[in-house]
Amino acid sequence: MLIILFVVVFVPMLVEAARAARNERVQRARGGVEPSGDVYEVMRFAYPAVFLIMIAEGLLRGAPPLASILIGAAIFASAKLLKWWAILSLGSAWTFRVIVVPGAKLVGHGPYRFVRHPNYIGVIGELAGTALMAGAVITGPLAVLAFLTLLVKRIAVEERATGALFGSKLHDPSAWPRRPHRG
């Protein structure tokens, strides 16, 4: 089971890394700049590491109850769907790094119509789902809390960077671009 979990976690992670690298080149070619103070260098190692640690705990503990696996799988799948909805909504603007392109428009469609950082909600769901599927009762909650701490710092960098670009529109949801409602 844990080998399957390893594949389920890390194959999509590799796909996401390739897409992020391609999009990063596109954003830099468009004049994108990376703000200072980001926690990317820590996140790039912490993200795969916390999944490995949870899977390792699962190897040591043995298989969790079937209900835990099923609930974890549902949470993980839902989180991946939300994350990929965010990725596809951002298009080439989605990267692992915070890169801001002068003159770019604030994305207000897809899950961004409802929440400011749906990708990060997805990440936390991935972690929680994996913890349940692996039976990582110790490292799971610690991984979620540790990564949540990094995400809070990351969000502060993003808000500062995009706030400089979009100004007051950033914090006024009524000013966010909306897709026209169709019946």
N, C-alpha and C. Protein backbone atom coordinates (compact mmCIF):
# COMPACT_ATOMS: atom_id res chain seq x y z
N MET A 1 0.82 -1.20 0.00
CA MET A 1 0.00 0.00 0.00
C MET A 1 0.86 1.26 0.00
N LEU A 2 1.94 1.28 0.82
CA LEU A 2 2.76 2.49 0.92
C LEU A 2 3.56 2.76 -0.35
N ILE A 3 3.85 1.72 -1.11
CA ILE A 3 4.51 1.93 -2.40
C ILE A 3 3.55 2.63 -3.35
N ILE A 4 2.30 2.21 -3.32
CA ILE A 4 1.28 2.89 -4.14
C ILE A 4 1.14 4.34 -3.69
N LEU A 5 1.12 4.57 -2.40
CA LEU A 5 1.02 5.93 -1.87
C LEU A 5 2.21 6.77 -2.33
N PHE A 6 3.40 6.18 -2.30
CA PHE A 6 4.60 6.88 -2.77
C PHE A 6 4.42 7.33 -4.22
N VAL A 7 3.94 6.44 -5.07
CA VAL A 7 3.72 6.76 -6.48
C VAL A 7 2.64 7.83 -6.64
N VAL A 8 1.55 7.68 -5.91
CA VAL A 8 0.43 8.63 -5.98
C VAL A 8 0.87 10.03 -5.56
N VAL A 9 1.77 10.11 -4.60
CA VAL A 9 2.24 11.41 -4.12
C VAL A 9 3.31 12.00 -5.04
N PHE A 10 4.29 11.19 -5.41
CA PHE A 10 5.48 11.75 -6.06
C PHE A 10 5.40 11.87 -7.57
N VAL A 11 4.63 11.04 -8.25
CA VAL A 11 4.51 11.20 -9.71
C VAL A 11 3.84 12.54 -10.05
N PRO A 12 2.69 12.86 -9.44
CA PRO A 12 2.12 14.19 -9.72
C PRO A 12 3.05 15.33 -9.31
N MET A 13 3.82 15.13 -8.24
CA MET A 13 4.75 16.16 -7.79
C MET A 13 5.80 16.44 -8.88
N LEU A 14 6.26 15.40 -9.55
CA LEU A 14 7.21 15.57 -10.64
C LEU A 14 6.57 16.30 -11.83
N VAL A 15 5.33 15.96 -12.13
CA VAL A 15 4.60 16.65 -13.21
C VAL A 15 4.45 18.13 -12.87
N GLU A 16 4.09 18.40 -11.62
CA GLU A 16 3.94 19.80 -11.18
C GLU A 16 5.27 20.54 -11.24
N ALA A 17 6.36 19.89 -10.86
CA ALA A 17 7.68 20.53 -10.90
C ALA A 17 8.07 20.89 -12.32
N ALA A 18 7.81 19.99 -13.27
CA ALA A 18 8.13 20.28 -14.68
C ALA A 18 7.30 21.45 -15.19
N ARG A 19 6.01 21.47 -14.85
CA ARG A 19 5.14 22.56 -15.28
C ARG A 19 5.59 23.88 -14.65
N ALA A 20 5.92 23.86 -13.37
CA ALA A 20 6.36 25.07 -12.67
C ALA A 20 7.64 25.62 -13.29
N ALA A 21 8.59 24.74 -13.62
CA ALA A 21 9.85 25.18 -14.23
C ALA A 21 9.60 25.82 -15.60
N ARG A 22 8.74 25.20 -16.39
CA ARG A 22 8.40 25.76 -17.71
C ARG A 22 7.73 27.13 -17.55
N ASN A 23 6.78 27.21 -16.63
CA ASN A 23 6.07 28.48 -16.41
C ASN A 23 7.00 29.55 -15.84
N GLU A 24 7.95 29.13 -15.02
CA GLU A 24 8.91 30.09 -14.48
C GLU A 24 9.70 30.75 -15.61
N ARG A 25 10.15 29.95 -16.58
CA ARG A 25 10.88 30.51 -17.73
C ARG A 25 10.00 31.49 -18.50
N VAL A 26 8.72 31.15 -18.67
CA VAL A 26 7.78 32.03 -19.37
C VAL A 26 7.62 33.35 -18.61
N GLN A 27 7.43 33.26 -17.31
CA GLN A 27 7.22 34.46 -16.50
C GLN A 27 8.46 35.35 -16.50
N ARG A 28 9.63 34.77 -16.41
CA ARG A 28 10.86 35.57 -16.44
C ARG A 28 11.04 36.23 -17.81
N ALA A 29 10.69 35.52 -18.88
CA ALA A 29 10.78 36.08 -20.23
C ALA A 29 9.81 37.26 -20.40
N ARG A 30 8.73 37.26 -19.65
CA ARG A 30 7.76 38.37 -19.69
C ARG A 30 8.16 39.52 -18.77
N GLY A 31 9.33 39.43 -18.15
CA GLY A 31 9.80 40.49 -17.26
C GLY A 31 9.47 40.24 -15.80
N GLY A 32 9.08 39.02 -15.47
CA GLY A 32 8.72 38.69 -14.09
C GLY A 32 9.88 38.84 -13.13
N VAL A 33 9.56 39.33 -11.95
CA VAL A 33 10.57 39.51 -10.92
C VAL A 33 10.16 38.73 -9.67
N GLU A 34 11.16 38.29 -8.94
CA GLU A 34 10.94 37.52 -7.72
C GLU A 34 11.19 38.43 -6.52
N PRO A 35 10.19 38.62 -5.67
CA PRO A 35 10.39 39.49 -4.51
C PRO A 35 11.33 38.85 -3.48
N SER A 36 11.90 39.68 -2.66
CA SER A 36 12.78 39.16 -1.61
C SER A 36 11.96 38.61 -0.46
N GLY A 37 12.60 37.79 0.35
CA GLY A 37 11.98 37.29 1.57
C GLY A 37 11.18 36.02 1.41
N ASP A 38 11.17 35.42 0.22
CA ASP A 38 10.38 34.20 0.02
C ASP A 38 11.04 33.02 0.73
N VAL A 39 10.23 32.04 1.07
CA VAL A 39 10.71 30.84 1.76
C VAL A 39 10.85 29.67 0.77
N TYR A 40 10.93 29.97 -0.51
CA TYR A 40 10.99 28.93 -1.54
C TYR A 40 12.14 27.95 -1.31
N GLU A 41 13.31 28.45 -0.96
CA GLU A 41 14.46 27.56 -0.79
C GLU A 41 14.22 26.53 0.31
N VAL A 42 13.48 26.89 1.33
CA VAL A 42 13.13 25.93 2.38
C VAL A 42 12.01 25.02 1.88
N MET A 43 11.00 25.60 1.24
CA MET A 43 9.85 24.83 0.78
C MET A 43 10.22 23.76 -0.24
N ARG A 44 11.18 24.06 -1.10
CA ARG A 44 11.53 23.11 -2.16
C ARG A 44 12.08 21.80 -1.60
N PHE A 45 12.66 21.86 -0.41
CA PHE A 45 13.13 20.63 0.25
C PHE A 45 12.10 20.11 1.23
N ALA A 46 11.43 21.01 1.93
CA ALA A 46 10.46 20.61 2.95
C ALA A 46 9.25 19.89 2.34
N TYR A 47 8.79 20.35 1.19
CA TYR A 47 7.59 19.78 0.59
C TYR A 47 7.75 18.28 0.32
N PRO A 48 8.74 17.85 -0.45
CA PRO A 48 8.87 16.39 -0.63
C PRO A 48 9.28 15.67 0.66
N ALA A 49 10.06 16.35 1.49
CA ALA A 49 10.55 15.71 2.72
C ALA A 49 9.42 15.35 3.67
N VAL A 50 8.43 16.22 3.82
CA VAL A 50 7.36 15.90 4.77
C VAL A 50 6.53 14.71 4.29
N PHE A 51 6.36 14.57 2.99
CA PHE A 51 5.66 13.39 2.47
C PHE A 51 6.49 12.13 2.74
N LEU A 52 7.79 12.21 2.49
CA LEU A 52 8.67 11.06 2.76
C LEU A 52 8.64 10.65 4.23
N ILE A 53 8.67 11.63 5.10
CA ILE A 53 8.66 11.36 6.54
C ILE A 53 7.36 10.68 6.95
N MET A 54 6.24 11.16 6.40
CA MET A 54 4.96 10.54 6.74
C MET A 54 4.87 9.10 6.23
N ILE A 55 5.35 8.89 5.01
CA ILE A 55 5.34 7.54 4.46
C ILE A 55 6.27 6.62 5.26
N ALA A 56 7.41 7.16 5.69
CA ALA A 56 8.34 6.38 6.52
C ALA A 56 7.69 5.99 7.84
N GLU A 57 6.95 6.91 8.46
CA GLU A 57 6.25 6.56 9.69
C GLU A 57 5.24 5.45 9.42
N GLY A 58 4.57 5.55 8.28
CA GLY A 58 3.62 4.50 7.91
C GLY A 58 4.28 3.15 7.76
N LEU A 59 5.49 3.13 7.22
CA LEU A 59 6.23 1.87 7.09
C LEU A 59 6.53 1.27 8.47
N LEU A 60 6.88 2.14 9.40
CA LEU A 60 7.20 1.68 10.75
C LEU A 60 5.96 1.22 11.53
N ARG A 61 4.86 1.91 11.33
CA ARG A 61 3.64 1.60 12.09
C ARG A 61 2.82 0.46 11.50
N GLY A 62 2.92 0.28 10.22
CA GLY A 62 2.05 -0.69 9.56
C GLY A 62 0.81 0.01 9.02
N ALA A 63 0.02 -0.74 8.33
CA ALA A 63 -1.15 -0.17 7.65
C ALA A 63 -2.16 0.41 8.65
N PRO A 64 -2.67 1.58 8.35
CA PRO A 64 -3.72 2.15 9.20
C PRO A 64 -5.05 1.47 8.91
N PRO A 65 -6.07 1.76 9.70
CA PRO A 65 -7.39 1.20 9.42
C PRO A 65 -7.89 1.61 8.02
N LEU A 66 -8.68 0.75 7.42
CA LEU A 66 -9.20 1.00 6.08
C LEU A 66 -9.95 2.33 6.02
N ALA A 67 -10.70 2.65 7.04
CA ALA A 67 -11.46 3.91 7.06
C ALA A 67 -10.51 5.11 6.95
N SER A 68 -9.38 5.04 7.63
CA SER A 68 -8.38 6.11 7.57
C SER A 68 -7.82 6.25 6.15
N ILE A 69 -7.56 5.12 5.53
CA ILE A 69 -7.04 5.13 4.16
C ILE A 69 -8.06 5.74 3.21
N LEU A 70 -9.32 5.34 3.33
CA LEU A 70 -10.36 5.83 2.43
C LEU A 70 -10.64 7.32 2.63
N ILE A 71 -10.70 7.75 3.87
CA ILE A 71 -10.92 9.18 4.15
C ILE A 71 -9.72 9.98 3.66
N GLY A 72 -8.52 9.48 3.92
CA GLY A 72 -7.30 10.15 3.45
C GLY A 72 -7.26 10.26 1.94
N ALA A 73 -7.66 9.18 1.26
CA ALA A 73 -7.67 9.18 -0.21
C ALA A 73 -8.67 10.21 -0.74
N ALA A 74 -9.83 10.30 -0.10
CA ALA A 74 -10.84 11.28 -0.53
C ALA A 74 -10.33 12.71 -0.32
N ILE A 75 -9.69 12.95 0.81
CA ILE A 75 -9.14 14.29 1.09
C ILE A 75 -8.04 14.61 0.10
N PHE A 76 -7.13 13.65 -0.12
CA PHE A 76 -6.02 13.86 -1.05
C PHE A 76 -6.54 14.14 -2.46
N ALA A 77 -7.47 13.34 -2.93
CA ALA A 77 -8.01 13.51 -4.28
C ALA A 77 -8.71 14.86 -4.42
N SER A 78 -9.50 15.23 -3.42
CA SER A 78 -10.18 16.54 -3.45
C SER A 78 -9.17 17.69 -3.46
N ALA A 79 -8.13 17.53 -2.66
CA ALA A 79 -7.08 18.56 -2.59
C ALA A 79 -6.37 18.69 -3.93
N LYS A 80 -6.06 17.56 -4.56
CA LYS A 80 -5.40 17.59 -5.88
C LYS A 80 -6.30 18.25 -6.91
N LEU A 81 -7.59 17.94 -6.87
CA LEU A 81 -8.51 18.57 -7.81
C LEU A 81 -8.54 20.09 -7.62
N LEU A 82 -8.61 20.54 -6.38
CA LEU A 82 -8.60 21.98 -6.11
C LEU A 82 -7.28 22.59 -6.57
N LYS A 83 -6.18 21.92 -6.25
CA LYS A 83 -4.87 22.43 -6.63
C LYS A 83 -4.75 22.55 -8.15
N TRP A 84 -5.18 21.53 -8.88
CA TRP A 84 -5.08 21.58 -10.34
C TRP A 84 -6.08 22.57 -10.94
N TRP A 85 -7.18 22.80 -10.31
CA TRP A 85 -8.10 23.85 -10.77
C TRP A 85 -7.39 25.19 -10.65
N ALA A 86 -6.70 25.40 -9.56
CA ALA A 86 -5.92 26.64 -9.37
C ALA A 86 -4.79 26.73 -10.39
N ILE A 87 -4.07 25.64 -10.60
CA ILE A 87 -2.96 25.63 -11.56
C ILE A 87 -3.46 25.97 -12.96
N LEU A 88 -4.53 25.33 -13.37
CA LEU A 88 -5.07 25.58 -14.71
C LEU A 88 -5.66 26.99 -14.83
N SER A 89 -6.23 27.49 -13.75
CA SER A 89 -6.78 28.85 -13.77
C SER A 89 -5.68 29.89 -13.91
N LEU A 90 -4.54 29.65 -13.28
CA LEU A 90 -3.41 30.59 -13.38
C LEU A 90 -2.66 30.44 -14.69
N GLY A 91 -2.78 29.29 -15.34
CA GLY A 91 -2.08 29.08 -16.60
C GLY A 91 -0.57 29.21 -16.42
N SER A 92 0.07 29.96 -17.31
CA SER A 92 1.53 30.09 -17.25
C SER A 92 2.01 30.92 -16.06
N ALA A 93 1.09 31.54 -15.34
CA ALA A 93 1.48 32.33 -14.16
C ALA A 93 1.74 31.44 -12.94
N TRP A 94 1.35 30.15 -13.00
CA TRP A 94 1.56 29.27 -11.85
C TRP A 94 2.99 28.75 -11.84
N THR A 95 3.68 29.01 -10.76
CA THR A 95 5.05 28.51 -10.57
C THR A 95 5.22 28.14 -9.10
N PHE A 96 6.32 27.44 -8.81
CA PHE A 96 6.65 27.18 -7.41
C PHE A 96 7.17 28.44 -6.74
N ARG A 97 7.79 29.30 -7.50
CA ARG A 97 8.35 30.54 -6.98
C ARG A 97 7.30 31.65 -7.07
N VAL A 98 7.47 32.68 -6.26
CA VAL A 98 6.63 33.87 -6.39
C VAL A 98 7.30 34.73 -7.46
N ILE A 99 6.64 34.87 -8.60
CA ILE A 99 7.16 35.69 -9.69
C ILE A 99 6.03 36.62 -10.12
N VAL A 100 6.31 37.91 -10.07
CA VAL A 100 5.30 38.91 -10.40
C VAL A 100 5.71 39.58 -11.71
N VAL A 101 4.78 39.61 -12.66
CA VAL A 101 5.02 40.23 -13.95
C VAL A 101 4.34 41.60 -13.97
N PRO A 102 5.12 42.67 -14.15
CA PRO A 102 4.50 44.00 -14.22
C PRO A 102 3.47 44.04 -15.35
N GLY A 103 2.32 44.62 -15.05
CA GLY A 103 1.25 44.74 -16.04
C GLY A 103 0.33 43.54 -16.12
N ALA A 104 0.65 42.48 -15.40
CA ALA A 104 -0.22 41.29 -15.41
C ALA A 104 -1.53 41.61 -14.71
N LYS A 105 -2.56 40.88 -15.07
CA LYS A 105 -3.87 41.07 -14.46
C LYS A 105 -4.05 40.07 -13.32
N LEU A 106 -4.74 40.51 -12.28
CA LEU A 106 -5.07 39.64 -11.16
C LEU A 106 -6.07 38.59 -11.61
N VAL A 107 -5.78 37.33 -11.34
CA VAL A 107 -6.67 36.24 -11.74
C VAL A 107 -7.87 36.22 -10.80
N GLY A 108 -9.05 36.23 -11.38
CA GLY A 108 -10.26 36.24 -10.57
C GLY A 108 -11.26 35.20 -11.02
N HIS A 109 -10.81 34.20 -11.78
CA HIS A 109 -11.72 33.13 -12.20
C HIS A 109 -11.26 31.81 -11.59
N GLY A 110 -12.01 30.76 -11.88
CA GLY A 110 -11.69 29.47 -11.27
C GLY A 110 -11.90 29.55 -9.77
N PRO A 111 -11.08 28.85 -9.00
CA PRO A 111 -11.27 28.87 -7.55
C PRO A 111 -10.93 30.23 -6.94
N TYR A 112 -10.22 31.07 -7.71
CA TYR A 112 -9.87 32.40 -7.22
C TYR A 112 -11.09 33.31 -7.12
N ARG A 113 -12.20 32.88 -7.67
CA ARG A 113 -13.47 33.61 -7.48
C ARG A 113 -13.93 33.51 -6.03
N PHE A 114 -13.49 32.46 -5.34
CA PHE A 114 -14.01 32.16 -4.01
C PHE A 114 -13.00 32.37 -2.89
N VAL A 115 -11.74 32.06 -3.15
CA VAL A 115 -10.69 32.18 -2.13
C VAL A 115 -9.42 32.74 -2.76
N ARG A 116 -8.58 33.35 -1.93
CA ARG A 116 -7.37 34.00 -2.41
C ARG A 116 -6.24 33.02 -2.73
N HIS A 117 -6.11 31.94 -1.99
CA HIS A 117 -4.98 31.03 -2.16
C HIS A 117 -5.44 29.57 -2.22
N PRO A 118 -6.21 29.21 -3.24
CA PRO A 118 -6.72 27.83 -3.30
C PRO A 118 -5.62 26.78 -3.45
N ASN A 119 -4.54 27.13 -4.11
CA ASN A 119 -3.43 26.19 -4.28
C ASN A 119 -2.91 25.74 -2.91
N TYR A 120 -2.80 26.68 -1.99
CA TYR A 120 -2.26 26.35 -0.67
C TYR A 120 -3.25 25.56 0.17
N ILE A 121 -4.52 25.79 -0.04
CA ILE A 121 -5.53 24.95 0.62
C ILE A 121 -5.36 23.52 0.11
N GLY A 122 -5.13 23.39 -1.19
CA GLY A 122 -4.88 22.07 -1.78
C GLY A 122 -3.65 21.40 -1.20
N VAL A 123 -2.58 22.15 -1.01
CA VAL A 123 -1.35 21.60 -0.45
C VAL A 123 -1.60 21.05 0.96
N ILE A 124 -2.30 21.81 1.78
CA ILE A 124 -2.59 21.34 3.13
C ILE A 124 -3.46 20.08 3.08
N GLY A 125 -4.41 20.05 2.14
CA GLY A 125 -5.23 18.85 1.97
C GLY A 125 -4.41 17.65 1.53
N GLU A 126 -3.44 17.87 0.64
CA GLU A 126 -2.56 16.78 0.22
C GLU A 126 -1.81 16.20 1.43
N LEU A 127 -1.29 17.10 2.25
CA LEU A 127 -0.55 16.66 3.43
C LEU A 127 -1.45 15.89 4.40
N ALA A 128 -2.62 16.44 4.68
CA ALA A 128 -3.54 15.79 5.62
C ALA A 128 -4.00 14.43 5.08
N GLY A 129 -4.32 14.39 3.79
CA GLY A 129 -4.75 13.14 3.18
C GLY A 129 -3.66 12.08 3.22
N THR A 130 -2.44 12.50 2.92
CA THR A 130 -1.31 11.56 2.96
C THR A 130 -1.08 11.05 4.39
N ALA A 131 -1.17 11.94 5.36
CA ALA A 131 -0.99 11.53 6.76
C ALA A 131 -1.99 10.45 7.13
N LEU A 132 -3.24 10.63 6.73
CA LEU A 132 -4.26 9.63 7.03
C LEU A 132 -4.01 8.32 6.29
N MET A 133 -3.67 8.41 5.00
CA MET A 133 -3.44 7.19 4.23
C MET A 133 -2.22 6.41 4.73
N ALA A 134 -1.20 7.14 5.22
CA ALA A 134 0.02 6.49 5.71
C ALA A 134 -0.11 6.04 7.15
N GLY A 135 -1.09 6.57 7.86
CA GLY A 135 -1.19 6.29 9.29
C GLY A 135 -0.13 7.03 10.08
N ALA A 136 0.24 8.21 9.59
CA ALA A 136 1.29 9.02 10.21
C ALA A 136 0.69 9.88 11.31
N VAL A 137 0.45 9.27 12.46
CA VAL A 137 -0.24 9.96 13.55
C VAL A 137 0.65 10.98 14.27
N ILE A 138 1.95 10.84 14.14
CA ILE A 138 2.87 11.79 14.78
C ILE A 138 3.40 12.78 13.75
N THR A 139 4.02 12.26 12.69
CA THR A 139 4.62 13.16 11.70
C THR A 139 3.58 13.88 10.85
N GLY A 140 2.41 13.31 10.70
CA GLY A 140 1.36 13.95 9.90
C GLY A 140 0.97 15.32 10.45
N PRO A 141 0.48 15.37 11.70
CA PRO A 141 0.11 16.69 12.24
C PRO A 141 1.31 17.66 12.31
N LEU A 142 2.49 17.13 12.62
CA LEU A 142 3.68 18.00 12.67
C LEU A 142 4.01 18.54 11.28
N ALA A 143 3.88 17.69 10.26
CA ALA A 143 4.15 18.12 8.89
C ALA A 143 3.16 19.19 8.45
N VAL A 144 1.90 18.99 8.76
CA VAL A 144 0.88 19.98 8.39
C VAL A 144 1.17 21.31 9.08
N LEU A 145 1.46 21.28 10.36
CA LEU A 145 1.75 22.53 11.09
C LEU A 145 3.01 23.21 10.58
N ALA A 146 4.06 22.43 10.34
CA ALA A 146 5.31 23.01 9.84
C ALA A 146 5.11 23.64 8.47
N PHE A 147 4.41 22.92 7.60
CA PHE A 147 4.23 23.47 6.25
C PHE A 147 3.25 24.64 6.26
N LEU A 148 2.27 24.60 7.14
CA LEU A 148 1.36 25.72 7.28
C LEU A 148 2.12 26.98 7.69
N THR A 149 3.10 26.82 8.57
CA THR A 149 3.93 27.95 8.98
C THR A 149 4.67 28.53 7.78
N LEU A 150 5.23 27.66 6.93
CA LEU A 150 5.90 28.13 5.72
C LEU A 150 4.92 28.83 4.78
N LEU A 151 3.73 28.29 4.66
CA LEU A 151 2.73 28.89 3.76
C LEU A 151 2.29 30.26 4.25
N VAL A 152 2.18 30.44 5.54
CA VAL A 152 1.82 31.76 6.08
C VAL A 152 2.89 32.78 5.68
N LYS A 153 4.15 32.39 5.78
CA LYS A 153 5.24 33.28 5.36
C LYS A 153 5.20 33.52 3.85
N ARG A 154 4.95 32.46 3.09
CA ARG A 154 4.85 32.57 1.63
C ARG A 154 3.71 33.50 1.23
N ILE A 155 2.56 33.36 1.86
CA ILE A 155 1.41 34.20 1.55
C ILE A 155 1.73 35.67 1.83
N ALA A 156 2.44 35.94 2.91
CA ALA A 156 2.83 37.32 3.23
C ALA A 156 3.69 37.91 2.11
N VAL A 157 4.61 37.12 1.58
CA VAL A 157 5.45 37.58 0.47
C VAL A 157 4.59 37.83 -0.78
N GLU A 158 3.69 36.91 -1.08
CA GLU A 158 2.81 37.07 -2.24
C GLU A 158 1.92 38.30 -2.09
N GLU A 159 1.35 38.47 -0.92
CA GLU A 159 0.46 39.62 -0.70
C GLU A 159 1.23 40.93 -0.85
N ARG A 160 2.44 40.97 -0.32
CA ARG A 160 3.27 42.17 -0.44
C ARG A 160 3.60 42.43 -1.91
N ALA A 161 4.01 41.38 -2.63
CA ALA A 161 4.42 41.53 -4.03
C ALA A 161 3.24 41.90 -4.93
N THR A 162 2.13 41.22 -4.76
CA THR A 162 0.98 41.52 -5.60
C THR A 162 0.29 42.81 -5.16
N GLY A 163 0.39 43.13 -3.88
CA GLY A 163 -0.16 44.40 -3.40
C GLY A 163 0.52 45.58 -4.04
N ALA A 164 1.84 45.46 -4.24
CA ALA A 164 2.59 46.53 -4.90
C ALA A 164 2.14 46.66 -6.35
N LEU A 165 1.74 45.55 -6.96
CA LEU A 165 1.32 45.56 -8.35
C LEU A 165 -0.14 45.98 -8.51
N PHE A 166 -1.01 45.45 -7.66
CA PHE A 166 -2.44 45.67 -7.83
C PHE A 166 -3.04 46.68 -6.86
N GLY A 167 -2.29 47.09 -5.86
CA GLY A 167 -2.75 48.10 -4.92
C GLY A 167 -4.00 47.71 -4.18
N SER A 168 -4.92 48.65 -4.06
CA SER A 168 -6.12 48.43 -3.26
C SER A 168 -7.04 47.37 -3.86
N LYS A 169 -6.93 47.10 -5.16
CA LYS A 169 -7.78 46.07 -5.77
C LYS A 169 -7.54 44.70 -5.15
N LEU A 170 -6.32 44.49 -4.66
CA LEU A 170 -5.96 43.19 -4.11
C LEU A 170 -6.80 42.86 -2.88
N HIS A 171 -7.06 43.82 -2.06
CA HIS A 171 -7.75 43.55 -0.79
C HIS A 171 -9.24 43.88 -0.83
N ASP A 172 -9.74 44.23 -2.00
CA ASP A 172 -11.16 44.54 -2.16
C ASP A 172 -11.77 43.50 -3.10
N PRO A 173 -12.39 42.44 -2.55
CA PRO A 173 -12.94 41.39 -3.40
C PRO A 173 -13.93 41.89 -4.44
N SER A 174 -14.62 42.99 -4.17
CA SER A 174 -15.56 43.50 -5.17
C SER A 174 -14.84 44.04 -6.40
N ALA A 175 -13.55 44.32 -6.29
CA ALA A 175 -12.77 44.82 -7.42
C ALA A 175 -12.07 43.71 -8.18
N TRP A 176 -12.12 42.47 -7.65
CA TRP A 176 -11.45 41.37 -8.35
C TRP A 176 -12.19 41.10 -9.65
N PRO A 177 -11.47 40.77 -10.71
CA PRO A 177 -12.15 40.44 -11.97
C PRO A 177 -13.02 39.21 -11.79
N ARG A 178 -14.18 39.24 -12.39
CA ARG A 178 -15.10 38.11 -12.27
C ARG A 178 -15.48 37.62 -13.65
N ARG A 179 -15.71 36.33 -13.73
CA ARG A 179 -16.25 35.77 -14.95
C ARG A 179 -17.75 36.06 -14.94
N PRO A 180 -18.31 36.46 -16.08
CA PRO A 180 -19.76 36.74 -16.09
C PRO A 180 -20.55 35.51 -15.67
N HIS A 181 -21.57 35.75 -14.89
CA HIS A 181 -22.44 34.66 -14.44
C HIS A 181 -23.38 34.28 -15.58
N ARG A 182 -23.48 32.99 -15.85
CA ARG A 182 -24.35 32.53 -16.93
C ARG A 182 -25.37 31.56 -16.37
N GLY A 183 -26.52 32.10 -16.09
CA GLY A 183 -27.67 31.32 -15.67
C GLY A 183 -27.40 30.33 -14.69
